[in-house]
Amino acid sequence: MLAEKLKKVRKSRKITQDEVALLLGVKRQTYSAYERGVSVPDSLTLKKLADYFGVTTDCFFTDDDASPQAQNEQEKKLLLIARRAERIPENQRDRLIKSFEENIDIYLDALGLGEDGE
């Protein structure tokens, strides 16, 4: 079940095995072995995978759907963008998120939909 879930979660987020392997600091073949059920990641690696995919470690061992929990396509796109942003160094990622938030606020204010317009 773990191997199938890893593959399903990765593919649902449109992430390559190479990207996951880079995050884990392993060769792609090592990660591929996890998805094929040839080997099993240790608990620390499993935690890294869950954090990266934005799921709990339990989701890898249950029948629950592990796809992004989004209300609509817009939220799904934003969730996938956020997960991709995890690869950006933290200090740069924080600046990028702050800039994104500021741009959204400026846009909403221009439309009269800012905090006062809600």
PDB file of N, CA and C in Angstrom:
ATOM      1  N   MET A   1       0.812  -1.190   0.000  1.00  0.00           N
ATOM      2  CA  MET A   1       0.000   0.000   0.000  1.00  0.00           C
ATOM      3  C   MET A   1       0.860   1.260   0.000  1.00  0.00           C
ATOM      4  N   LEU A   2       1.960   1.287   0.762  1.00  0.00           N
ATOM      5  CA  LEU A   2       2.833   2.454   0.835  1.00  0.00           C
ATOM      6  C   LEU A   2       3.341   2.837  -0.554  1.00  0.00           C
ATOM      7  N   ALA A   3       3.833   1.869  -1.296  1.00  0.00           N
ATOM      8  CA  ALA A   3       4.391   2.147  -2.620  1.00  0.00           C
ATOM      9  C   ALA A   3       3.351   2.797  -3.529  1.00  0.00           C
ATOM     10  N   GLU A   4       2.149   2.251  -3.529  1.00  0.00           N
ATOM     11  CA  GLU A   4       1.072   2.786  -4.373  1.00  0.00           C
ATOM     12  C   GLU A   4       0.702   4.203  -3.955  1.00  0.00           C
ATOM     13  N   LYS A   5       0.639   4.435  -2.653  1.00  0.00           N
ATOM     14  CA  LYS A   5       0.263   5.758  -2.145  1.00  0.00           C
ATOM     15  C   LYS A   5       1.317   6.811  -2.485  1.00  0.00           C
ATOM     16  N   LEU A   6       2.591   6.446  -2.336  1.00  0.00           N
ATOM     17  CA  LEU A   6       3.649   7.391  -2.685  1.00  0.00           C
ATOM     18  C   LEU A   6       3.524   7.824  -4.143  1.00  0.00           C
ATOM     19  N   LYS A   7       3.323   6.862  -4.995  1.00  0.00           N
ATOM     20  CA  LYS A   7       3.211   7.152  -6.426  1.00  0.00           C
ATOM     21  C   LYS A   7       1.976   8.004  -6.715  1.00  0.00           C
ATOM     22  N   LYS A   8       0.858   7.664  -6.098  1.00  0.00           N
ATOM     23  CA  LYS A   8      -0.394   8.381  -6.323  1.00  0.00           C
ATOM     24  C   LYS A   8      -0.279   9.839  -5.870  1.00  0.00           C
ATOM     25  N   VAL A   9       0.262  10.036  -4.672  1.00  0.00           N
ATOM     26  CA  VAL A   9       0.389  11.388  -4.137  1.00  0.00           C
ATOM     27  C   VAL A   9       1.342  12.204  -5.008  1.00  0.00           C
ATOM     28  N   ARG A  10       2.463  11.625  -5.385  1.00  0.00           N
ATOM     29  CA  ARG A  10       3.444  12.349  -6.207  1.00  0.00           C
ATOM     30  C   ARG A  10       2.836  12.749  -7.544  1.00  0.00           C
ATOM     31  N   LYS A  11       2.175  11.812  -8.196  1.00  0.00           N
ATOM     32  CA  LYS A  11       1.597  12.091  -9.507  1.00  0.00           C
ATOM     33  C   LYS A  11       0.459  13.103  -9.421  1.00  0.00           C
ATOM     34  N   SER A  12      -0.321  13.050  -8.345  1.00  0.00           N
ATOM     35  CA  SER A  12      -1.429  13.996  -8.205  1.00  0.00           C
ATOM     36  C   SER A  12      -0.922  15.433  -8.087  1.00  0.00           C
ATOM     37  N   ARG A  13       0.303  15.584  -7.656  1.00  0.00           N
ATOM     38  CA  ARG A  13       0.900  16.907  -7.503  1.00  0.00           C
ATOM     39  C   ARG A  13       1.806  17.275  -8.671  1.00  0.00           C
ATOM     40  N   LYS A  14       1.869  16.388  -9.667  1.00  0.00           N
ATOM     41  CA  LYS A  14       2.666  16.621 -10.874  1.00  0.00           C
ATOM     42  C   LYS A  14       4.141  16.892 -10.539  1.00  0.00           C
ATOM     43  N   ILE A  15       4.669  16.052  -9.657  1.00  0.00           N
ATOM     44  CA  ILE A  15       6.061  16.149  -9.233  1.00  0.00           C
ATOM     45  C   ILE A  15       6.787  14.917  -9.760  1.00  0.00           C
ATOM     46  N   THR A  16       8.006  15.094 -10.221  1.00  0.00           N
ATOM     47  CA  THR A  16       8.764  13.975 -10.753  1.00  0.00           C
ATOM     48  C   THR A  16       9.490  13.219  -9.637  1.00  0.00           C
ATOM     49  N   GLN A  17       9.871  12.004  -9.946  1.00  0.00           N
ATOM     50  CA  GLN A  17      10.675  11.235  -8.996  1.00  0.00           C
ATOM     51  C   GLN A  17      12.001  11.939  -8.736  1.00  0.00           C
ATOM     52  N   ASP A  18      12.562  12.568  -9.751  1.00  0.00           N
ATOM     53  CA  ASP A  18      13.822  13.298  -9.575  1.00  0.00           C
ATOM     54  C   ASP A  18      13.673  14.413  -8.543  1.00  0.00           C
ATOM     55  N   GLU A  19      12.543  15.128  -8.581  1.00  0.00           N
ATOM     56  CA  GLU A  19      12.316  16.220  -7.635  1.00  0.00           C
ATOM     57  C   GLU A  19      12.207  15.702  -6.208  1.00  0.00           C
ATOM     58  N   VAL A  20      11.512  14.601  -6.037  1.00  0.00           N
ATOM     59  CA  VAL A  20      11.366  14.028  -4.693  1.00  0.00           C
ATOM     60  C   VAL A  20      12.716  13.515  -4.202  1.00  0.00           C
ATOM     61  N   ALA A  21      13.445  12.852  -5.078  1.00  0.00           N
ATOM     62  CA  ALA A  21      14.762  12.331  -4.701  1.00  0.00           C
ATOM     63  C   ALA A  21      15.692  13.467  -4.275  1.00  0.00           C
ATOM     64  N   LEU A  22      15.642  14.586  -4.993  1.00  0.00           N
ATOM     65  CA  LEU A  22      16.470  15.740  -4.658  1.00  0.00           C
ATOM     66  C   LEU A  22      16.119  16.254  -3.264  1.00  0.00           C
ATOM     67  N   LEU A  23      14.837  16.347  -2.964  1.00  0.00           N
ATOM     68  CA  LEU A  23      14.392  16.783  -1.640  1.00  0.00           C
ATOM     69  C   LEU A  23      14.943  15.862  -0.552  1.00  0.00           C
ATOM     70  N   LEU A  24      14.879  14.570  -0.820  1.00  0.00           N
ATOM     71  CA  LEU A  24      15.311  13.584   0.180  1.00  0.00           C
ATOM     72  C   LEU A  24      16.828  13.444   0.262  1.00  0.00           C
ATOM     73  N   GLY A  25      17.511  13.920  -0.772  1.00  0.00           N
ATOM     74  CA  GLY A  25      18.962  13.763  -0.816  1.00  0.00           C
ATOM     75  C   GLY A  25      19.386  12.343  -1.167  1.00  0.00           C
ATOM     76  N   VAL A  26      18.566  11.690  -2.009  1.00  0.00           N
ATOM     77  CA  VAL A  26      18.880  10.326  -2.453  1.00  0.00           C
ATOM     78  C   VAL A  26      18.860  10.288  -3.974  1.00  0.00           C
ATOM     79  N   LYS A  27      19.335   9.200  -4.531  1.00  0.00           N
ATOM     80  CA  LYS A  27      19.276   9.023  -5.982  1.00  0.00           C
ATOM     81  C   LYS A  27      17.838   8.723  -6.389  1.00  0.00           C
ATOM     82  N   ARG A  28      17.517   9.056  -7.630  1.00  0.00           N
ATOM     83  CA  ARG A  28      16.172   8.776  -8.127  1.00  0.00           C
ATOM     84  C   ARG A  28      15.864   7.298  -8.020  1.00  0.00           C
ATOM     85  N   GLN A  29      16.853   6.449  -8.257  1.00  0.00           N
ATOM     86  CA  GLN A  29      16.643   5.001  -8.187  1.00  0.00           C
ATOM     87  C   GLN A  29      16.207   4.573  -6.783  1.00  0.00           C
ATOM     88  N   THR A  30      16.733   5.234  -5.784  1.00  0.00           N
ATOM     89  CA  THR A  30      16.354   4.921  -4.395  1.00  0.00           C
ATOM     90  C   THR A  30      14.892   5.262  -4.174  1.00  0.00           C
ATOM     91  N   TYR A  31      14.496   6.469  -4.615  1.00  0.00           N
ATOM     92  CA  TYR A  31      13.090   6.840  -4.450  1.00  0.00           C
ATOM     93  C   TYR A  31      12.191   5.936  -5.290  1.00  0.00           C
ATOM     94  N   SER A  32      12.617   5.635  -6.481  1.00  0.00           N
ATOM     95  CA  SER A  32      11.847   4.746  -7.355  1.00  0.00           C
ATOM     96  C   SER A  32      11.611   3.400  -6.677  1.00  0.00           C
ATOM     97  N   ALA A  33      12.596   2.925  -5.947  1.00  0.00           N
ATOM     98  CA  ALA A  33      12.454   1.652  -5.235  1.00  0.00           C
ATOM     99  C   ALA A  33      11.356   1.739  -4.172  1.00  0.00           C
ATOM    100  N   TYR A  34      11.176   2.920  -3.572  1.00  0.00           N
ATOM    101  CA  TYR A  34      10.079   3.100  -2.613  1.00  0.00           C
ATOM    102  C   TYR A  34       8.741   2.941  -3.319  1.00  0.00           C
ATOM    103  N   GLU A  35       8.621   3.571  -4.490  1.00  0.00           N
ATOM    104  CA  GLU A  35       7.357   3.510  -5.227  1.00  0.00           C
ATOM    105  C   GLU A  35       7.081   2.123  -5.820  1.00  0.00           C
ATOM    106  N   ARG A  36       8.122   1.366  -6.039  1.00  0.00           N
ATOM    107  CA  ARG A  36       7.937   0.015  -6.584  1.00  0.00           C
ATOM    108  C   ARG A  36       7.779  -1.030  -5.487  1.00  0.00           C
ATOM    109  N   GLY A  37       7.958  -0.613  -4.235  1.00  0.00           N
ATOM    110  CA  GLY A  37       7.816  -1.539  -3.120  1.00  0.00           C
ATOM    111  C   GLY A  37       9.023  -2.430  -2.922  1.00  0.00           C
ATOM    112  N   VAL A  38      10.138  -2.083  -3.564  1.00  0.00           N
ATOM    113  CA  VAL A  38      11.370  -2.858  -3.434  1.00  0.00           C
ATOM    114  C   VAL A  38      12.047  -2.561  -2.100  1.00  0.00           C
ATOM    115  N   SER A  39      11.934  -1.309  -1.655  1.00  0.00           N
ATOM    116  CA  SER A  39      12.464  -0.940  -0.343  1.00  0.00           C
ATOM    117  C   SER A  39      11.478   0.018   0.323  1.00  0.00           C
ATOM    118  N   VAL A  40      11.682   0.241   1.616  1.00  0.00           N
ATOM    119  CA  VAL A  40      10.777   1.064   2.410  1.00  0.00           C
ATOM    120  C   VAL A  40      11.589   2.194   3.042  1.00  0.00           C
ATOM    121  N   PRO A  41      11.071   3.422   2.956  1.00  0.00           N
ATOM    122  CA  PRO A  41      11.799   4.526   3.590  1.00  0.00           C
ATOM    123  C   PRO A  41      11.763   4.400   5.108  1.00  0.00           C
ATOM    124  N   ASP A  42      12.832   4.877   5.760  1.00  0.00           N
ATOM    125  CA  ASP A  42      12.826   4.875   7.224  1.00  0.00           C
ATOM    126  C   ASP A  42      11.841   5.924   7.722  1.00  0.00           C
ATOM    127  N   SER A  43      11.602   5.971   9.014  1.00  0.00           N
ATOM    128  CA  SER A  43      10.564   6.846   9.570  1.00  0.00           C
ATOM    129  C   SER A  43      10.867   8.329   9.335  1.00  0.00           C
ATOM    130  N   LEU A  44      12.130   8.721   9.409  1.00  0.00           N
ATOM    131  CA  LEU A  44      12.497  10.118   9.177  1.00  0.00           C
ATOM    132  C   LEU A  44      12.222  10.507   7.720  1.00  0.00           C
ATOM    133  N   THR A  45      12.552   9.627   6.798  1.00  0.00           N
ATOM    134  CA  THR A  45      12.301   9.878   5.380  1.00  0.00           C
ATOM    135  C   THR A  45      10.808   9.915   5.107  1.00  0.00           C
ATOM    136  N   LEU A  46      10.073   9.045   5.746  1.00  0.00           N
ATOM    137  CA  LEU A  46       8.621   9.015   5.586  1.00  0.00           C
ATOM    138  C   LEU A  46       8.007  10.337   6.067  1.00  0.00           C
ATOM    139  N   LYS A  47       8.514  10.865   7.170  1.00  0.00           N
ATOM    140  CA  LYS A  47       8.047  12.153   7.689  1.00  0.00           C
ATOM    141  C   LYS A  47       8.364  13.272   6.707  1.00  0.00           C
ATOM    142  N   LYS A  48       9.569  13.249   6.133  1.00  0.00           N
ATOM    143  CA  LYS A  48       9.940  14.252   5.131  1.00  0.00           C
ATOM    144  C   LYS A  48       8.991  14.201   3.936  1.00  0.00           C
ATOM    145  N   LEU A  49       8.680  12.983   3.501  1.00  0.00           N
ATOM    146  CA  LEU A  49       7.766  12.812   2.368  1.00  0.00           C
ATOM    147  C   LEU A  49       6.380  13.363   2.695  1.00  0.00           C
ATOM    148  N   ALA A  50       5.881  13.051   3.866  1.00  0.00           N
ATOM    149  CA  ALA A  50       4.554  13.529   4.269  1.00  0.00           C
ATOM    150  C   ALA A  50       4.536  15.056   4.329  1.00  0.00           C
ATOM    151  N   ASP A  51       5.563  15.649   4.915  1.00  0.00           N
ATOM    152  CA  ASP A  51       5.638  17.109   4.997  1.00  0.00           C
ATOM    153  C   ASP A  51       5.702  17.724   3.602  1.00  0.00           C
ATOM    154  N   TYR A  52       6.515  17.139   2.744  1.00  0.00           N
ATOM    155  CA  TYR A  52       6.675  17.652   1.377  1.00  0.00           C
ATOM    156  C   TYR A  52       5.360  17.591   0.603  1.00  0.00           C
ATOM    157  N   PHE A  53       4.640  16.484   0.742  1.00  0.00           N
ATOM    158  CA  PHE A  53       3.387  16.315   0.019  1.00  0.00           C
ATOM    159  C   PHE A  53       2.200  16.965   0.731  1.00  0.00           C
ATOM    160  N   GLY A  54       2.427  17.443   1.956  1.00  0.00           N
ATOM    161  CA  GLY A  54       1.352  18.095   2.694  1.00  0.00           C
ATOM    162  C   GLY A  54       0.292  17.132   3.190  1.00  0.00           C
ATOM    163  N   VAL A  55       0.702  15.952   3.587  1.00  0.00           N
ATOM    164  CA  VAL A  55      -0.214  14.945   4.107  1.00  0.00           C
ATOM    165  C   VAL A  55       0.338  14.420   5.421  1.00  0.00           C
ATOM    166  N   THR A  56      -0.432  13.594   6.106  1.00  0.00           N
ATOM    167  CA  THR A  56       0.076  12.939   7.310  1.00  0.00           C
ATOM    168  C   THR A  56       0.737  11.631   6.898  1.00  0.00           C
ATOM    169  N   THR A  57       1.587  11.119   7.740  1.00  0.00           N
ATOM    170  CA  THR A  57       2.207   9.829   7.432  1.00  0.00           C
ATOM    171  C   THR A  57       1.156   8.733   7.377  1.00  0.00           C
ATOM    172  N   ASP A  58       0.077   8.896   8.134  1.00  0.00           N
ATOM    173  CA  ASP A  58      -1.010   7.910   8.124  1.00  0.00           C
ATOM    174  C   ASP A  58      -1.609   7.712   6.740  1.00  0.00           C
ATOM    175  N   CYS A  59      -1.640   8.764   5.953  1.00  0.00           N
ATOM    176  CA  CYS A  59      -2.278   8.655   4.635  1.00  0.00           C
ATOM    177  C   CYS A  59      -1.583   7.626   3.758  1.00  0.00           C
ATOM    178  N   PHE A  60      -0.313   7.364   4.029  1.00  0.00           N
ATOM    179  CA  PHE A  60       0.421   6.369   3.233  1.00  0.00           C
ATOM    180  C   PHE A  60      -0.006   4.934   3.566  1.00  0.00           C
ATOM    181  N   PHE A  61      -0.717   4.772   4.677  1.00  0.00           N
ATOM    182  CA  PHE A  61      -1.063   3.427   5.135  1.00  0.00           C
ATOM    183  C   PHE A  61      -2.569   3.201   5.278  1.00  0.00           C
ATOM    184  N   THR A  62      -3.368   4.150   4.772  1.00  0.00           N
ATOM    185  CA  THR A  62      -4.822   4.011   4.852  1.00  0.00           C
ATOM    186  C   THR A  62      -5.429   4.045   3.457  1.00  0.00           C
ATOM    187  N   ASP A  63      -6.690   3.740   3.390  1.00  0.00           N
ATOM    188  CA  ASP A  63      -7.388   3.767   2.112  1.00  0.00           C
ATOM    189  C   ASP A  63      -7.945   5.145   1.775  1.00  0.00           C
ATOM    190  N   ASP A  64      -7.738   6.124   2.654  1.00  0.00           N
ATOM    191  CA  ASP A  64      -8.216   7.478   2.381  1.00  0.00           C
ATOM    192  C   ASP A  64      -7.532   8.040   1.153  1.00  0.00           C
ATOM    193  N   ASP A  65      -8.250   8.893   0.434  1.00  0.00           N
ATOM    194  CA  ASP A  65      -7.685   9.557  -0.735  1.00  0.00           C
ATOM    195  C   ASP A  65      -6.668  10.583  -0.266  1.00  0.00           C
ATOM    196  N   ALA A  66      -5.473  10.559  -0.824  1.00  0.00           N
ATOM    197  CA  ALA A  66      -4.407  11.466  -0.410  1.00  0.00           C
ATOM    198  C   ALA A  66      -4.234  12.643  -1.361  1.00  0.00           C
ATOM    199  N   SER A  67      -5.211  12.899  -2.216  1.00  0.00           N
ATOM    200  CA  SER A  67      -5.096  14.019  -3.142  1.00  0.00           C
ATOM    201  C   SER A  67      -5.289  15.328  -2.386  1.00  0.00           C
ATOM    202  N   PRO A  68      -4.851  16.449  -2.978  1.00  0.00           N
ATOM    203  CA  PRO A  68      -4.993  17.719  -2.282  1.00  0.00           C
ATOM    204  C   PRO A  68      -6.431  17.972  -1.855  1.00  0.00           C
ATOM    205  N   GLN A  69      -6.602  18.485  -0.648  1.00  0.00           N
ATOM    206  CA  GLN A  69      -7.934  18.786  -0.133  1.00  0.00           C
ATOM    207  C   GLN A  69      -8.286  20.218  -0.505  1.00  0.00           C
ATOM    208  N   ALA A  70      -8.747  20.412  -1.731  1.00  0.00           N
ATOM    209  CA  ALA A  70      -9.110  21.731  -2.217  1.00  0.00           C
ATOM    210  C   ALA A  70     -10.602  21.773  -2.515  1.00  0.00           C
ATOM    211  N   GLN A  71     -11.191  22.933  -2.337  1.00  0.00           N
ATOM    212  CA  GLN A  71     -12.617  23.114  -2.566  1.00  0.00           C
ATOM    213  C   GLN A  71     -12.948  23.222  -4.051  1.00  0.00           C
ATOM    214  N   ASN A  72     -11.987  23.713  -4.839  1.00  0.00           N
ATOM    215  CA  ASN A  72     -12.228  23.916  -6.269  1.00  0.00           C
ATOM    216  C   ASN A  72     -10.899  23.906  -7.021  1.00  0.00           C
ATOM    217  N   GLU A  73     -10.963  24.068  -8.320  1.00  0.00           N
ATOM    218  CA  GLU A  73      -9.748  24.031  -9.137  1.00  0.00           C
ATOM    219  C   GLU A  73      -8.782  25.149  -8.779  1.00  0.00           C
ATOM    220  N   GLN A  74      -9.319  26.326  -8.457  1.00  0.00           N
ATOM    221  CA  GLN A  74      -8.476  27.461  -8.076  1.00  0.00           C
ATOM    222  C   GLN A  74      -7.642  27.112  -6.839  1.00  0.00           C
ATOM    223  N   GLU A  75      -8.284  26.560  -5.819  1.00  0.00           N
ATOM    224  CA  GLU A  75      -7.564  26.181  -4.603  1.00  0.00           C
ATOM    225  C   GLU A  75      -6.562  25.069  -4.893  1.00  0.00           C
ATOM    226  N   LYS A  76      -6.928  24.145  -5.755  1.00  0.00           N
ATOM    227  CA  LYS A  76      -6.015  23.064  -6.097  1.00  0.00           C
ATOM    228  C   LYS A  76      -4.750  23.613  -6.748  1.00  0.00           C
ATOM    229  N   LYS A  77      -4.919  24.569  -7.674  1.00  0.00           N
ATOM    230  CA  LYS A  77      -3.757  25.183  -8.330  1.00  0.00           C
ATOM    231  C   LYS A  77      -2.868  25.885  -7.315  1.00  0.00           C
ATOM    232  N   LEU A  78      -3.489  26.643  -6.409  1.00  0.00           N
ATOM    233  CA  LEU A  78      -2.709  27.352  -5.397  1.00  0.00           C
ATOM    234  C   LEU A  78      -1.999  26.387  -4.455  1.00  0.00           C
ATOM    235  N   LEU A  79      -2.651  25.293  -4.115  1.00  0.00           N
ATOM    236  CA  LEU A  79      -2.049  24.280  -3.251  1.00  0.00           C
ATOM    237  C   LEU A  79      -0.837  23.642  -3.935  1.00  0.00           C
ATOM    238  N   LEU A  80      -0.955  23.355  -5.203  1.00  0.00           N
ATOM    239  CA  LEU A  80       0.161  22.766  -5.940  1.00  0.00           C
ATOM    240  C   LEU A  80       1.316  23.752  -6.069  1.00  0.00           C
ATOM    241  N   ILE A  81       0.995  25.030  -6.269  1.00  0.00           N
ATOM    242  CA  ILE A  81       2.042  26.058  -6.331  1.00  0.00           C
ATOM    243  C   ILE A  81       2.760  26.147  -4.987  1.00  0.00           C
ATOM    244  N   ALA A  82       1.996  26.116  -3.910  1.00  0.00           N
ATOM    245  CA  ALA A  82       2.594  26.179  -2.574  1.00  0.00           C
ATOM    246  C   ALA A  82       3.524  24.998  -2.334  1.00  0.00           C
ATOM    247  N   ARG A  83       3.122  23.829  -2.784  1.00  0.00           N
ATOM    248  CA  ARG A  83       3.968  22.649  -2.595  1.00  0.00           C
ATOM    249  C   ARG A  83       5.243  22.739  -3.428  1.00  0.00           C
ATOM    250  N   ARG A  84       5.123  23.293  -4.638  1.00  0.00           N
ATOM    251  CA  ARG A  84       6.320  23.474  -5.463  1.00  0.00           C
ATOM    252  C   ARG A  84       7.261  24.478  -4.811  1.00  0.00           C
ATOM    253  N   ALA A  85       6.700  25.487  -4.150  1.00  0.00           N
ATOM    254  CA  ALA A  85       7.502  26.530  -3.509  1.00  0.00           C
ATOM    255  C   ALA A  85       8.348  25.979  -2.368  1.00  0.00           C
ATOM    256  N   GLU A  86       8.013  24.806  -1.859  1.00  0.00           N
ATOM    257  CA  GLU A  86       8.794  24.198  -0.780  1.00  0.00           C
ATOM    258  C   GLU A  86      10.239  23.960  -1.190  1.00  0.00           C
ATOM    259  N   ARG A  87      10.501  23.906  -2.498  1.00  0.00           N
ATOM    260  CA  ARG A  87      11.866  23.669  -2.979  1.00  0.00           C
ATOM    261  C   ARG A  87      12.724  24.930  -2.945  1.00  0.00           C
ATOM    262  N   ILE A  88      12.086  26.075  -2.770  1.00  0.00           N
ATOM    263  CA  ILE A  88      12.805  27.348  -2.730  1.00  0.00           C
ATOM    264  C   ILE A  88      13.406  27.505  -1.336  1.00  0.00           C
ATOM    265  N   PRO A  89      14.654  27.986  -1.229  1.00  0.00           N
ATOM    266  CA  PRO A  89      15.237  28.204   0.103  1.00  0.00           C
ATOM    267  C   PRO A  89      14.310  29.056   0.969  1.00  0.00           C
ATOM    268  N   GLU A  90      14.241  28.726   2.252  1.00  0.00           N
ATOM    269  CA  GLU A  90      13.251  29.307   3.154  1.00  0.00           C
ATOM    270  C   GLU A  90      13.223  30.828   3.152  1.00  0.00           C
ATOM    271  N   ASN A  91      14.394  31.482   3.240  1.00  0.00           N
ATOM    272  CA  ASN A  91      14.396  32.943   3.300  1.00  0.00           C
ATOM    273  C   ASN A  91      13.848  33.547   2.007  1.00  0.00           C
ATOM    274  N   GLN A  92      14.160  32.941   0.879  1.00  0.00           N
ATOM    275  CA  GLN A  92      13.637  33.434  -0.398  1.00  0.00           C
ATOM    276  C   GLN A  92      12.145  33.115  -0.535  1.00  0.00           C
ATOM    277  N   ARG A  93      11.755  31.959  -0.054  1.00  0.00           N
ATOM    278  CA  ARG A  93      10.341  31.554  -0.106  1.00  0.00           C
ATOM    279  C   ARG A  93       9.486  32.511   0.722  1.00  0.00           C
ATOM    280  N   ASP A  94       9.966  32.897   1.902  1.00  0.00           N
ATOM    281  CA  ASP A  94       9.223  33.824   2.755  1.00  0.00           C
ATOM    282  C   ASP A  94       9.025  35.167   2.064  1.00  0.00           C
ATOM    283  N   ARG A  95      10.075  35.652   1.378  1.00  0.00           N
ATOM    284  CA  ARG A  95       9.953  36.921   0.642  1.00  0.00           C
ATOM    285  C   ARG A  95       8.966  36.785  -0.509  1.00  0.00           C
ATOM    286  N   LEU A  96       8.999  35.644  -1.193  1.00  0.00           N
ATOM    287  CA  LEU A  96       8.095  35.405  -2.311  1.00  0.00           C
ATOM    288  C   LEU A  96       6.640  35.362  -1.836  1.00  0.00           C
ATOM    289  N   ILE A  97       6.397  34.688  -0.725  1.00  0.00           N
ATOM    290  CA  ILE A  97       5.034  34.600  -0.176  1.00  0.00           C
ATOM    291  C   ILE A  97       4.551  35.978   0.257  1.00  0.00           C
ATOM    292  N   LYS A  98       5.408  36.736   0.927  1.00  0.00           N
ATOM    293  CA  LYS A  98       5.033  38.090   1.365  1.00  0.00           C
ATOM    294  C   LYS A  98       4.695  38.950   0.156  1.00  0.00           C
ATOM    295  N   SER A  99       5.492  38.874  -0.884  1.00  0.00           N
ATOM    296  CA  SER A  99       5.237  39.639  -2.106  1.00  0.00           C
ATOM    297  C   SER A  99       3.908  39.225  -2.738  1.00  0.00           C
ATOM    298  N   PHE A 100       3.642  37.934  -2.774  1.00  0.00           N
ATOM    299  CA  PHE A 100       2.386  37.430  -3.327  1.00  0.00           C
ATOM    300  C   PHE A 100       1.200  37.977  -2.534  1.00  0.00           C
ATOM    301  N   GLU A 101       1.300  37.904  -1.212  1.00  0.00           N
ATOM    302  CA  GLU A 101       0.218  38.412  -0.363  1.00  0.00           C
ATOM    303  C   GLU A 101      -0.014  39.906  -0.589  1.00  0.00           C
ATOM    304  N   GLU A 102       1.080  40.673  -0.679  1.00  0.00           N
ATOM    305  CA  GLU A 102       0.957  42.114  -0.902  1.00  0.00           C
ATOM    306  C   GLU A 102       0.302  42.402  -2.249  1.00  0.00           C
ATOM    307  N   ASN A 103       0.683  41.647  -3.277  1.00  0.00           N
ATOM    308  CA  ASN A 103       0.085  41.852  -4.601  1.00  0.00           C
ATOM    309  C   ASN A 103      -1.399  41.513  -4.605  1.00  0.00           C
ATOM    310  N   ILE A 104      -1.775  40.471  -3.902  1.00  0.00           N
ATOM    311  CA  ILE A 104      -3.202  40.124  -3.803  1.00  0.00           C
ATOM    312  C   ILE A 104      -3.953  41.251  -3.112  1.00  0.00           C
ATOM    313  N   ASP A 105      -3.394  41.793  -2.018  1.00  0.00           N
ATOM    314  CA  ASP A 105      -4.039  42.892  -1.294  1.00  0.00           C
ATOM    315  C   ASP A 105      -4.187  44.123  -2.176  1.00  0.00           C
ATOM    316  N   ILE A 106      -3.151  44.460  -2.928  1.00  0.00           N
ATOM    317  CA  ILE A 106      -3.206  45.621  -3.833  1.00  0.00           C
ATOM    318  C   ILE A 106      -4.307  45.417  -4.870  1.00  0.00           C
ATOM    319  N   TYR A 107      -4.365  44.228  -5.430  1.00  0.00           N
ATOM    320  CA  TYR A 107      -5.367  43.923  -6.449  1.00  0.00           C
ATOM    321  C   TYR A 107      -6.776  44.000  -5.871  1.00  0.00           C
ATOM    322  N   LEU A 108      -6.969  43.421  -4.702  1.00  0.00           N
ATOM    323  CA  LEU A 108      -8.288  43.459  -4.063  1.00  0.00           C
ATOM    324  C   LEU A 108      -8.699  44.891  -3.722  1.00  0.00           C
ATOM    325  N   ASP A 109      -7.746  45.691  -3.230  1.00  0.00           N
ATOM    326  CA  ASP A 109      -8.038  47.093  -2.923  1.00  0.00           C
ATOM    327  C   ASP A 109      -8.444  47.844  -4.190  1.00  0.00           C
ATOM    328  N   ALA A 110      -7.747  47.591  -5.295  1.00  0.00           N
ATOM    329  CA  ALA A 110      -8.061  48.256  -6.557  1.00  0.00           C
ATOM    330  C   ALA A 110      -9.471  47.898  -7.041  1.00  0.00           C
ATOM    331  N   LEU A 111      -9.906  46.708  -6.733  1.00  0.00           N
ATOM    332  CA  LEU A 111     -11.248  46.273  -7.114  1.00  0.00           C
ATOM    333  C   LEU A 111     -12.304  46.671  -6.080  1.00  0.00           C
ATOM    334  N   GLY A 112     -11.849  47.278  -4.991  1.00  0.00           N
ATOM    335  CA  GLY A 112     -12.778  47.645  -3.918  1.00  0.00           C
ATOM    336  C   GLY A 112     -13.194  46.456  -3.080  1.00  0.00           C
ATOM    337  N   LEU A 113     -12.385  45.397  -3.113  1.00  0.00           N
ATOM    338  CA  LEU A 113     -12.711  44.172  -2.378  1.00  0.00           C
ATOM    339  C   LEU A 113     -11.758  43.900  -1.222  1.00  0.00           C
ATOM    340  N   GLY A 114     -10.977  44.920  -0.860  1.00  0.00           N
ATOM    341  CA  GLY A 114     -10.033  44.761   0.235  1.00  0.00           C
ATOM    342  C   GLY A 114     -10.766  44.594   1.553  1.00  0.00           C
ATOM    343  N   GLU A 115     -10.033  44.675   2.629  1.00  0.00           N
ATOM    344  CA  GLU A 115     -10.628  44.475   3.962  1.00  0.00           C
ATOM    345  C   GLU A 115     -11.821  45.384   4.194  1.00  0.00           C
ATOM    346  N   ASP A 116     -11.738  46.629   3.751  1.00  0.00           N
ATOM    347  CA  ASP A 116     -12.857  47.570   3.953  1.00  0.00           C
ATOM    348  C   ASP A 116     -14.017  47.270   3.022  1.00  0.00           C
ATOM    349  N   GLY A 117     -13.746  46.649   1.868  1.00  0.00           N
ATOM    350  CA  GLY A 117     -14.779  46.380   0.880  1.00  0.00           C
ATOM    351  C   GLY A 117     -15.475  45.053   1.050  1.00  0.00           C
ATOM    352  N   GLU A 118     -15.065  44.277   2.052  1.00  0.00           N
ATOM    353  CA  GLU A 118     -15.657  42.947   2.243  1.00  0.00           C
ATOM    354  C   GLU A 118     -16.950  43.013   2.979  1.00  0.00           C
TER     355      GLU A 118
END
